Amino acid sequence: MTIRNVGIIGLGAIGRPMGRHLAAGGFGAFGFDPSEDACRQAREVGITTCASPREVAERSEFVIVVVGFEHQVDAVLFADDGVLAGAQPGAVIGISSTVSPTYARELSKRLAQYDVRLLDMPTTRSNRAAESGNLLVMAGANPEVIEVCRPALDTFSGDIFRLGDFGHGQVGKMINNIILWACMAANDEGFRLGESLGVDQETMRAALKTSSAANFPLIEESDTRPIPWAEKDMIIAQREADQLALSIPLTGHVKELIKAFKVRMNYATPKG
């Protein structure tokens, strides 16, 4: 199957720019979001919006799911008007949502009865990378599935790494997030100490960006805007570690530090 049309389920900060880049790259870009405002913004950038996930699937050879929580993935896939109700034979379903590796493995088993192919494809590098088309895709799938999807993925990503089979992409995203949020917590603690000792934060930030302490959230200035998904990311990691009886105490401590940071900054956390 040649992929000419790609569907996006979830037209938010990541899904909408994905669709925009796909449309600009010559693909048919179809999308669904329950928010009419999100659909309006999607239409403004060249995405054809549909009435349901089913309609998106009927019009696409490759459907990418970009919703916030596992129960939402279930809903858009398995509902009567969901993706599986309209999926073309041999279509690829890409899970770009951040979910647990355990959920991904279970989802793979549930989808085995359907005539679809699966691509685990969480992304990193922030909303800015989505807008510029420079996302990192951490892929988990058979190599041939990745190659079939590569021309579409290339429109919105700068790098694609195959980490293994379906579910291994989510392992990569989980590890990325553990390290990302640990850096963010360290940045916050360091800046607060520096300010207490009389050093201007922005001057300190500029210096640190050139130093051995440089890290992604420091460079991206992630602490200056909301970080809605941090607790969810670390809960995923803690649950996976618990199943393995593996001790990851730093992750639990970082979760509490990030929680306190968000309360201090009055940053909201999405409710699933």
C-alpha atoms as a PDB file:
ATOM      1  CA  MET A   1       0.000   0.000   0.000  1.00  0.00           C
ATOM      2  CA  THR A   2       1.287   3.453  -0.944  1.00  0.00           C
ATOM      3  CA  ILE A   3       0.421   6.142   1.559  1.00  0.00           C
ATOM      4  CA  ARG A   4      -1.082   9.210  -0.064  1.00  0.00           C
ATOM      5  CA  ASN A   5      -3.569  10.261   2.608  1.00  0.00           C
ATOM      6  CA  VAL A   6      -2.858  10.585   6.322  1.00  0.00           C
ATOM      7  CA  GLY A   7      -5.342  11.060   9.136  1.00  0.00           C
ATOM      8  CA  ILE A   8      -4.713  12.826  12.430  1.00  0.00           C
ATOM      9  CA  ILE A   9      -6.910  12.125  15.455  1.00  0.00           C
ATOM     10  CA  GLY A  10      -6.316  14.993  17.866  1.00  0.00           C
ATOM     11  CA  LEU A  11      -5.649  18.411  16.335  1.00  0.00           C
ATOM     12  CA  GLY A  12      -3.873  20.137  19.200  1.00  0.00           C
ATOM     13  CA  ALA A  13      -0.368  21.481  19.681  1.00  0.00           C
ATOM     14  CA  ILE A  14       1.260  18.437  18.047  1.00  0.00           C
ATOM     15  CA  GLY A  15      -1.440  17.027  15.771  1.00  0.00           C
ATOM     16  CA  ARG A  16      -2.290  20.263  14.008  1.00  0.00           C
ATOM     17  CA  PRO A  17       1.282  21.079  12.886  1.00  0.00           C
ATOM     18  CA  MET A  18       1.744  17.435  11.873  1.00  0.00           C
ATOM     19  CA  GLY A  19      -1.243  17.806   9.569  1.00  0.00           C
ATOM     20  CA  ARG A  20      -0.026  21.161   8.277  1.00  0.00           C
ATOM     21  CA  HIS A  21       3.336  19.698   7.288  1.00  0.00           C
ATOM     22  CA  LEU A  22       1.668  16.677   5.688  1.00  0.00           C
ATOM     23  CA  ALA A  23      -0.575  18.916   3.588  1.00  0.00           C
ATOM     24  CA  ALA A  24       2.376  21.103   2.596  1.00  0.00           C
ATOM     25  CA  GLY A  25       4.274  17.942   1.642  1.00  0.00           C
ATOM     26  CA  GLY A  26       1.632  16.882  -0.852  1.00  0.00           C
ATOM     27  CA  PHE A  27      -0.291  14.383   1.268  1.00  0.00           C
ATOM     28  CA  GLY A  28      -4.005  14.468   1.783  1.00  0.00           C
ATOM     29  CA  ALA A  29      -4.372  15.487   5.432  1.00  0.00           C
ATOM     30  CA  PHE A  30      -7.585  14.551   7.216  1.00  0.00           C
ATOM     31  CA  GLY A  31      -8.333  15.209  10.861  1.00  0.00           C
ATOM     32  CA  PHE A  32     -10.761  14.893  13.722  1.00  0.00           C
ATOM     33  CA  ASP A  33     -10.999  16.662  17.062  1.00  0.00           C
ATOM     34  CA  PRO A  34     -14.029  17.039  19.347  1.00  0.00           C
ATOM     35  CA  SER A  35     -13.193  20.733  19.697  1.00  0.00           C
ATOM     36  CA  GLU A  36     -14.722  22.857  16.963  1.00  0.00           C
ATOM     37  CA  ASP A  37     -12.115  25.543  17.628  1.00  0.00           C
ATOM     38  CA  ALA A  38      -9.332  23.004  17.051  1.00  0.00           C
ATOM     39  CA  CYS A  39     -11.032  21.925  13.822  1.00  0.00           C
ATOM     40  CA  ARG A  40     -11.344  25.516  12.657  1.00  0.00           C
ATOM     41  CA  GLN A  41      -7.645  26.139  13.239  1.00  0.00           C
ATOM     42  CA  ALA A  42      -6.824  22.883  11.462  1.00  0.00           C
ATOM     43  CA  ARG A  43      -8.811  23.870   8.394  1.00  0.00           C
ATOM     44  CA  GLU A  44      -6.932  27.165   8.280  1.00  0.00           C
ATOM     45  CA  VAL A  45      -3.643  25.264   7.774  1.00  0.00           C
ATOM     46  CA  GLY A  46      -4.864  22.892   5.070  1.00  0.00           C
ATOM     47  CA  ILE A  47      -6.311  19.950   7.016  1.00  0.00           C
ATOM     48  CA  THR A  48      -9.660  18.552   5.887  1.00  0.00           C
ATOM     49  CA  THR A  49     -11.686  17.936   9.035  1.00  0.00           C
ATOM     50  CA  CYS A  50     -14.054  15.000   9.375  1.00  0.00           C
ATOM     51  CA  ALA A  51     -17.124  14.247  11.471  1.00  0.00           C
ATOM     52  CA  SER A  52     -15.624  11.228  13.254  1.00  0.00           C
ATOM     53  CA  PRO A  53     -12.484   9.107  13.613  1.00  0.00           C
ATOM     54  CA  ARG A  54     -14.241   6.555  11.428  1.00  0.00           C
ATOM     55  CA  GLU A  55     -14.488   9.028   8.552  1.00  0.00           C
ATOM     56  CA  VAL A  56     -10.816   9.934   8.954  1.00  0.00           C
ATOM     57  CA  ALA A  57      -9.891   6.245   8.702  1.00  0.00           C
ATOM     58  CA  GLU A  58     -12.097   5.708   5.666  1.00  0.00           C
ATOM     59  CA  ARG A  59     -10.159   8.434   3.837  1.00  0.00           C
ATOM     60  CA  SER A  60      -6.610   7.566   4.987  1.00  0.00           C
ATOM     61  CA  GLU A  61      -4.057   4.796   4.515  1.00  0.00           C
ATOM     62  CA  PHE A  62      -2.183   5.946   7.631  1.00  0.00           C
ATOM     63  CA  VAL A  63      -3.978   7.195  10.760  1.00  0.00           C
ATOM     64  CA  ILE A  64      -2.004   8.878  13.558  1.00  0.00           C
ATOM     65  CA  VAL A  65      -3.556   9.063  17.028  1.00  0.00           C
ATOM     66  CA  VAL A  66      -2.418  12.092  19.054  1.00  0.00           C
ATOM     67  CA  VAL A  67      -4.677  12.204  22.127  1.00  0.00           C
ATOM     68  CA  GLY A  68      -3.733  12.724  25.753  1.00  0.00           C
ATOM     69  CA  PHE A  69      -4.660   9.584  27.666  1.00  0.00           C
ATOM     70  CA  GLU A  70      -4.932   5.828  27.217  1.00  0.00           C
ATOM     71  CA  HIS A  71      -8.703   5.781  27.666  1.00  0.00           C
ATOM     72  CA  GLN A  72      -8.938   8.363  24.870  1.00  0.00           C
ATOM     73  CA  VAL A  73      -6.853   6.115  22.610  1.00  0.00           C
ATOM     74  CA  ASP A  74      -9.324   3.315  23.341  1.00  0.00           C
ATOM     75  CA  ALA A  75     -12.270   5.579  22.578  1.00  0.00           C
ATOM     76  CA  VAL A  76     -11.037   6.859  19.224  1.00  0.00           C
ATOM     77  CA  LEU A  77     -10.011   3.367  18.101  1.00  0.00           C
ATOM     78  CA  PHE A  78     -12.786   1.090  19.351  1.00  0.00           C
ATOM     79  CA  ALA A  79     -15.954   3.220  19.435  1.00  0.00           C
ATOM     80  CA  ASP A  80     -18.734   2.529  16.939  1.00  0.00           C
ATOM     81  CA  ASP A  81     -17.587   5.581  14.972  1.00  0.00           C
ATOM     82  CA  GLY A  82     -13.923   4.957  15.759  1.00  0.00           C
ATOM     83  CA  VAL A  83     -10.893   4.344  13.595  1.00  0.00           C
ATOM     84  CA  LEU A  84     -11.268   0.564  13.463  1.00  0.00           C
ATOM     85  CA  ALA A  85     -14.828   0.860  12.189  1.00  0.00           C
ATOM     86  CA  GLY A  86     -13.541   2.619   9.081  1.00  0.00           C
ATOM     87  CA  ALA A  87      -9.949   1.431   8.683  1.00  0.00           C
ATOM     88  CA  GLN A  88      -8.932   0.373   5.190  1.00  0.00           C
ATOM     89  CA  PRO A  89      -7.505  -3.163   4.831  1.00  0.00           C
ATOM     90  CA  GLY A  90      -3.773  -3.029   5.539  1.00  0.00           C
ATOM     91  CA  ALA A  91      -3.900   0.537   6.848  1.00  0.00           C
ATOM     92  CA  VAL A  92      -1.272   1.680   9.338  1.00  0.00           C
ATOM     93  CA  ILE A  93      -2.394   2.933  12.736  1.00  0.00           C
ATOM     94  CA  GLY A  94       0.240   5.074  14.420  1.00  0.00           C
ATOM     95  CA  ILE A  95       0.062   5.714  18.159  1.00  0.00           C
ATOM     96  CA  SER A  96       1.763   9.052  18.768  1.00  0.00           C
ATOM     97  CA  SER A  97       0.091   9.547  22.144  1.00  0.00           C
ATOM     98  CA  THR A  98       2.345   9.047  25.146  1.00  0.00           C
ATOM     99  CA  VAL A  99       1.103   5.834  26.765  1.00  0.00           C
ATOM    100  CA  SER A 100       2.698   3.200  28.955  1.00  0.00           C
ATOM    101  CA  PRO A 101       4.703   0.398  27.344  1.00  0.00           C
ATOM    102  CA  THR A 102       2.387  -2.059  29.108  1.00  0.00           C
ATOM    103  CA  TYR A 103      -0.668  -0.460  27.520  1.00  0.00           C
ATOM    104  CA  ALA A 104       1.046  -0.505  24.119  1.00  0.00           C
ATOM    105  CA  ARG A 105       1.748  -4.232  24.388  1.00  0.00           C
ATOM    106  CA  GLU A 106      -1.846  -4.930  25.412  1.00  0.00           C
ATOM    107  CA  LEU A 107      -3.138  -2.765  22.567  1.00  0.00           C
ATOM    108  CA  SER A 108      -1.064  -4.733  20.084  1.00  0.00           C
ATOM    109  CA  LYS A 109      -2.745  -7.950  21.237  1.00  0.00           C
ATOM    110  CA  ARG A 110      -6.215  -6.409  21.018  1.00  0.00           C
ATOM    111  CA  LEU A 111      -5.582  -5.176  17.485  1.00  0.00           C
ATOM    112  CA  ALA A 112      -4.217  -8.504  16.222  1.00  0.00           C
ATOM    113  CA  GLN A 113      -7.687  -9.533  14.996  1.00  0.00           C
ATOM    114  CA  TYR A 114      -7.935  -6.497  12.689  1.00  0.00           C
ATOM    115  CA  ASP A 115      -6.442  -6.148   9.215  1.00  0.00           C
ATOM    116  CA  VAL A 116      -4.242  -3.212  10.169  1.00  0.00           C
ATOM    117  CA  ARG A 117      -0.534  -2.614  10.758  1.00  0.00           C
ATOM    118  CA  LEU A 118       0.787  -0.885  13.854  1.00  0.00           C
ATOM    119  CA  LEU A 119       3.359   1.840  14.366  1.00  0.00           C
ATOM    120  CA  ASP A 120       4.398   2.996  17.826  1.00  0.00           C
ATOM    121  CA  MET A 121       5.532   6.592  17.218  1.00  0.00           C
ATOM    122  CA  PRO A 122       5.708   8.928  20.222  1.00  0.00           C
ATOM    123  CA  THR A 123       7.485  12.197  19.508  1.00  0.00           C
ATOM    124  CA  THR A 124       9.817  14.496  21.439  1.00  0.00           C
ATOM    125  CA  ARG A 125      11.479  17.922  21.132  1.00  0.00           C
ATOM    126  CA  SER A 126       8.514  20.110  22.097  1.00  0.00           C
ATOM    127  CA  ASN A 127       5.753  22.058  20.416  1.00  0.00           C
ATOM    128  CA  ARG A 128       8.323  24.308  18.753  1.00  0.00           C
ATOM    129  CA  ALA A 129       9.754  21.297  16.940  1.00  0.00           C
ATOM    130  CA  ALA A 130       6.263  20.315  15.839  1.00  0.00           C
ATOM    131  CA  GLU A 131       5.764  23.767  14.335  1.00  0.00           C
ATOM    132  CA  SER A 132       9.126  23.703  12.551  1.00  0.00           C
ATOM    133  CA  GLY A 133       8.798  20.098  11.356  1.00  0.00           C
ATOM    134  CA  ASN A 134      11.747  18.870  13.421  1.00  0.00           C
ATOM    135  CA  LEU A 135      10.155  16.337  15.767  1.00  0.00           C
ATOM    136  CA  LEU A 136      12.035  13.237  16.851  1.00  0.00           C
ATOM    137  CA  VAL A 137      10.005  10.070  16.244  1.00  0.00           C
ATOM    138  CA  MET A 138      10.856   7.137  18.504  1.00  0.00           C
ATOM    139  CA  ALA A 139       9.448   4.279  16.466  1.00  0.00           C
ATOM    140  CA  GLY A 140       8.469   0.766  17.406  1.00  0.00           C
ATOM    141  CA  ALA A 141       7.322  -1.444  14.529  1.00  0.00           C
ATOM    142  CA  ASN A 142       8.417  -3.891  11.898  1.00  0.00           C
ATOM    143  CA  PRO A 143      11.055  -2.133   9.751  1.00  0.00           C
ATOM    144  CA  GLU A 144       8.901  -2.415   6.623  1.00  0.00           C
ATOM    145  CA  VAL A 145       6.043  -0.548   8.320  1.00  0.00           C
ATOM    146  CA  ILE A 146       8.379   2.299   9.199  1.00  0.00           C
ATOM    147  CA  GLU A 147       9.654   2.447   5.622  1.00  0.00           C
ATOM    148  CA  VAL A 148       6.120   2.561   4.213  1.00  0.00           C
ATOM    149  CA  CYS A 149       5.353   5.476   6.530  1.00  0.00           C
ATOM    150  CA  ARG A 150       8.707   7.245   6.238  1.00  0.00           C
ATOM    151  CA  PRO A 151       7.772   9.717   3.456  1.00  0.00           C
ATOM    152  CA  ALA A 152       4.854  10.920   5.575  1.00  0.00           C
ATOM    153  CA  LEU A 153       6.866  10.959   8.801  1.00  0.00           C
ATOM    154  CA  ASP A 154       9.635  12.926   7.106  1.00  0.00           C
ATOM    155  CA  THR A 155       7.280  15.860   6.524  1.00  0.00           C
ATOM    156  CA  PHE A 156       7.096  16.669  10.239  1.00  0.00           C
ATOM    157  CA  SER A 157      10.174  15.024  11.768  1.00  0.00           C
ATOM    158  CA  GLY A 158      13.885  15.683  11.691  1.00  0.00           C
ATOM    159  CA  ASP A 159      14.906  12.234  12.911  1.00  0.00           C
ATOM    160  CA  ILE A 160      13.314   8.787  13.093  1.00  0.00           C
ATOM    161  CA  PHE A 161      14.847   6.068  15.263  1.00  0.00           C
ATOM    162  CA  ARG A 162      13.564   2.494  15.326  1.00  0.00           C
ATOM    163  CA  LEU A 163      13.932   1.279  18.911  1.00  0.00           C
ATOM    164  CA  GLY A 164      12.398  -2.151  18.338  1.00  0.00           C
ATOM    165  CA  ASP A 165       8.931  -3.620  18.037  1.00  0.00           C
ATOM    166  CA  PHE A 166       5.571  -2.035  18.866  1.00  0.00           C
ATOM    167  CA  GLY A 167       5.807  -0.667  22.416  1.00  0.00           C
ATOM    168  CA  HIS A 168       9.533  -0.015  22.342  1.00  0.00           C
ATOM    169  CA  GLY A 169       8.939   3.513  21.073  1.00  0.00           C
ATOM    170  CA  GLN A 170       6.991   4.163  24.271  1.00  0.00           C
ATOM    171  CA  VAL A 171       9.918   2.807  26.290  1.00  0.00           C
ATOM    172  CA  GLY A 172      12.137   5.374  24.579  1.00  0.00           C
ATOM    173  CA  LYS A 173       9.680   8.184  25.259  1.00  0.00           C
ATOM    174  CA  MET A 174       9.408   7.148  28.904  1.00  0.00           C
ATOM    175  CA  ILE A 175      13.191   7.233  29.346  1.00  0.00           C
ATOM    176  CA  ASN A 176      13.362  10.582  27.559  1.00  0.00           C
ATOM    177  CA  ASN A 177      10.778  11.992  29.945  1.00  0.00           C
ATOM    178  CA  ILE A 178      12.501  10.721  33.095  1.00  0.00           C
ATOM    179  CA  ILE A 179      15.682  12.546  32.096  1.00  0.00           C
ATOM    180  CA  LEU A 180      13.862  15.620  30.759  1.00  0.00           C
ATOM    181  CA  TRP A 181      11.918  16.289  33.947  1.00  0.00           C
ATOM    182  CA  ALA A 182      14.922  15.576  36.161  1.00  0.00           C
ATOM    183  CA  CYS A 183      16.808  18.285  34.269  1.00  0.00           C
ATOM    184  CA  MET A 184      13.878  20.647  34.646  1.00  0.00           C
ATOM    185  CA  ALA A 185      13.723  20.087  38.403  1.00  0.00           C
ATOM    186  CA  ALA A 186      17.474  20.680  38.707  1.00  0.00           C
ATOM    187  CA  ASN A 187      17.206  23.879  36.662  1.00  0.00           C
ATOM    188  CA  ASP A 188      14.430  25.225  38.884  1.00  0.00           C
ATOM    189  CA  GLU A 189      16.304  24.419  42.073  1.00  0.00           C
ATOM    190  CA  GLY A 190      19.508  25.967  40.768  1.00  0.00           C
ATOM    191  CA  PHE A 191      17.825  29.164  39.571  1.00  0.00           C
ATOM    192  CA  ARG A 192      16.041  29.656  42.893  1.00  0.00           C
ATOM    193  CA  LEU A 193      19.299  29.246  44.771  1.00  0.00           C
ATOM    194  CA  GLY A 194      21.081  31.635  42.419  1.00  0.00           C
ATOM    195  CA  GLU A 195      18.396  34.305  42.756  1.00  0.00           C
ATOM    196  CA  SER A 196      18.475  33.966  46.543  1.00  0.00           C
ATOM    197  CA  LEU A 197      22.203  34.718  46.369  1.00  0.00           C
ATOM    198  CA  GLY A 198      21.696  37.769  44.154  1.00  0.00           C
ATOM    199  CA  VAL A 199      22.372  36.449  40.624  1.00  0.00           C
ATOM    200  CA  ASP A 200      19.975  37.549  37.872  1.00  0.00           C
ATOM    201  CA  GLN A 201      18.161  34.504  36.495  1.00  0.00           C
ATOM    202  CA  GLU A 202      18.255  35.486  32.829  1.00  0.00           C
ATOM    203  CA  THR A 203      21.961  36.298  32.955  1.00  0.00           C
ATOM    204  CA  MET A 204      22.557  32.983  34.691  1.00  0.00           C
ATOM    205  CA  ARG A 205      20.472  31.181  32.060  1.00  0.00           C
ATOM    206  CA  ALA A 206      22.467  32.746  29.222  1.00  0.00           C
ATOM    207  CA  ALA A 207      25.705  31.629  30.857  1.00  0.00           C
ATOM    208  CA  LEU A 208      24.467  28.106  31.564  1.00  0.00           C
ATOM    209  CA  LYS A 209      23.362  27.622  27.959  1.00  0.00           C
ATOM    210  CA  THR A 210      27.043  27.715  27.021  1.00  0.00           C
ATOM    211  CA  SER A 211      28.204  25.640  29.979  1.00  0.00           C
ATOM    212  CA  SER A 212      28.631  21.976  30.867  1.00  0.00           C
ATOM    213  CA  ALA A 213      25.224  22.198  32.590  1.00  0.00           C
ATOM    214  CA  ALA A 214      23.370  22.963  29.329  1.00  0.00           C
ATOM    215  CA  ASN A 215      20.297  20.759  28.862  1.00  0.00           C
ATOM    216  CA  PHE A 216      17.167  20.728  26.714  1.00  0.00           C
ATOM    217  CA  PRO A 217      14.664  22.391  29.088  1.00  0.00           C
ATOM    218  CA  LEU A 218      17.270  25.028  29.954  1.00  0.00           C
ATOM    219  CA  ILE A 219      17.904  25.829  26.285  1.00  0.00           C
ATOM    220  CA  GLU A 220      14.200  25.663  25.366  1.00  0.00           C
ATOM    221  CA  GLU A 221      13.283  27.705  28.474  1.00  0.00           C
ATOM    222  CA  SER A 222      10.638  25.112  29.313  1.00  0.00           C
ATOM    223  CA  ASP A 223      10.278  26.545  32.809  1.00  0.00           C
ATOM    224  CA  THR A 224       8.790  29.738  31.359  1.00  0.00           C
ATOM    225  CA  ARG A 225       5.597  28.094  30.037  1.00  0.00           C
ATOM    226  CA  PRO A 226       3.130  25.425  31.212  1.00  0.00           C
ATOM    227  CA  ILE A 227       4.261  21.782  31.346  1.00  0.00           C
ATOM    228  CA  PRO A 228       0.930  19.947  31.466  1.00  0.00           C
ATOM    229  CA  TRP A 229       2.002  16.325  31.116  1.00  0.00           C
ATOM    230  CA  ALA A 230       4.936  16.005  33.521  1.00  0.00           C
ATOM    231  CA  GLU A 231       3.206  14.106  36.344  1.00  0.00           C
ATOM    232  CA  LYS A 232       1.525  11.734  33.901  1.00  0.00           C
ATOM    233  CA  ASP A 233       4.898  10.974  32.320  1.00  0.00           C
ATOM    234  CA  MET A 234       6.513  10.089  35.630  1.00  0.00           C
ATOM    235  CA  ILE A 235       3.540   8.053  36.848  1.00  0.00           C
ATOM    236  CA  ILE A 236       3.951   5.917  33.713  1.00  0.00           C
ATOM    237  CA  ALA A 237       7.615   5.373  34.553  1.00  0.00           C
ATOM    238  CA  GLN A 238       6.913   4.531  38.186  1.00  0.00           C
ATOM    239  CA  ARG A 239       4.239   1.978  37.281  1.00  0.00           C
ATOM    240  CA  GLU A 240       6.483   0.274  34.746  1.00  0.00           C
ATOM    241  CA  ALA A 241       9.298   0.110  37.287  1.00  0.00           C
ATOM    242  CA  ASP A 242       6.953  -1.281  39.944  1.00  0.00           C
ATOM    243  CA  GLN A 243       5.971  -4.128  37.619  1.00  0.00           C
ATOM    244  CA  LEU A 244       9.662  -4.970  37.275  1.00  0.00           C
ATOM    245  CA  ALA A 245      10.388  -4.509  40.992  1.00  0.00           C
ATOM    246  CA  LEU A 246      12.971  -1.960  39.847  1.00  0.00           C
ATOM    247  CA  SER A 247      13.867   0.911  42.157  1.00  0.00           C
ATOM    248  CA  ILE A 248      13.822   4.372  40.516  1.00  0.00           C
ATOM    249  CA  PRO A 249      13.676   6.700  43.547  1.00  0.00           C
ATOM    250  CA  LEU A 250      14.897   9.785  41.704  1.00  0.00           C
ATOM    251  CA  THR A 251      11.839   9.698  39.430  1.00  0.00           C
ATOM    252  CA  GLY A 252       9.469   9.771  42.400  1.00  0.00           C
ATOM    253  CA  HIS A 253      11.332  12.676  43.964  1.00  0.00           C
ATOM    254  CA  VAL A 254      11.374  14.593  40.675  1.00  0.00           C
ATOM    255  CA  LYS A 255       7.610  14.100  40.319  1.00  0.00           C
ATOM    256  CA  GLU A 256       7.059  15.803  43.666  1.00  0.00           C
ATOM    257  CA  LEU A 257       9.457  18.630  42.772  1.00  0.00           C
ATOM    258  CA  ILE A 258       7.678  19.221  39.459  1.00  0.00           C
ATOM    259  CA  LYS A 259       4.299  19.123  41.194  1.00  0.00           C
ATOM    260  CA  ALA A 260       5.464  21.815  43.623  1.00  0.00           C
ATOM    261  CA  PHE A 261       6.914  23.858  40.749  1.00  0.00           C
ATOM    262  CA  LYS A 262       3.585  23.769  38.895  1.00  0.00           C
ATOM    263  CA  VAL A 263       1.671  24.818  41.994  1.00  0.00           C
ATOM    264  CA  ARG A 264       4.091  27.698  42.532  1.00  0.00           C
ATOM    265  CA  MET A 265       3.732  28.790  38.886  1.00  0.00           C
ATOM    266  CA  ASN A 266      -0.043  28.165  38.849  1.00  0.00           C
ATOM    267  CA  TYR A 267       0.321  25.747  35.910  1.00  0.00           C
ATOM    268  CA  ALA A 268      -2.643  23.458  35.304  1.00  0.00           C
ATOM    269  CA  THR A 269      -2.572  19.680  34.879  1.00  0.00           C
ATOM    270  CA  PRO A 270      -4.954  18.083  32.322  1.00  0.00           C
ATOM    271  CA  LYS A 271      -7.628  15.805  33.723  1.00  0.00           C
ATOM    272  CA  GLY A 272      -8.031  12.451  31.997  1.00  0.00           C
END
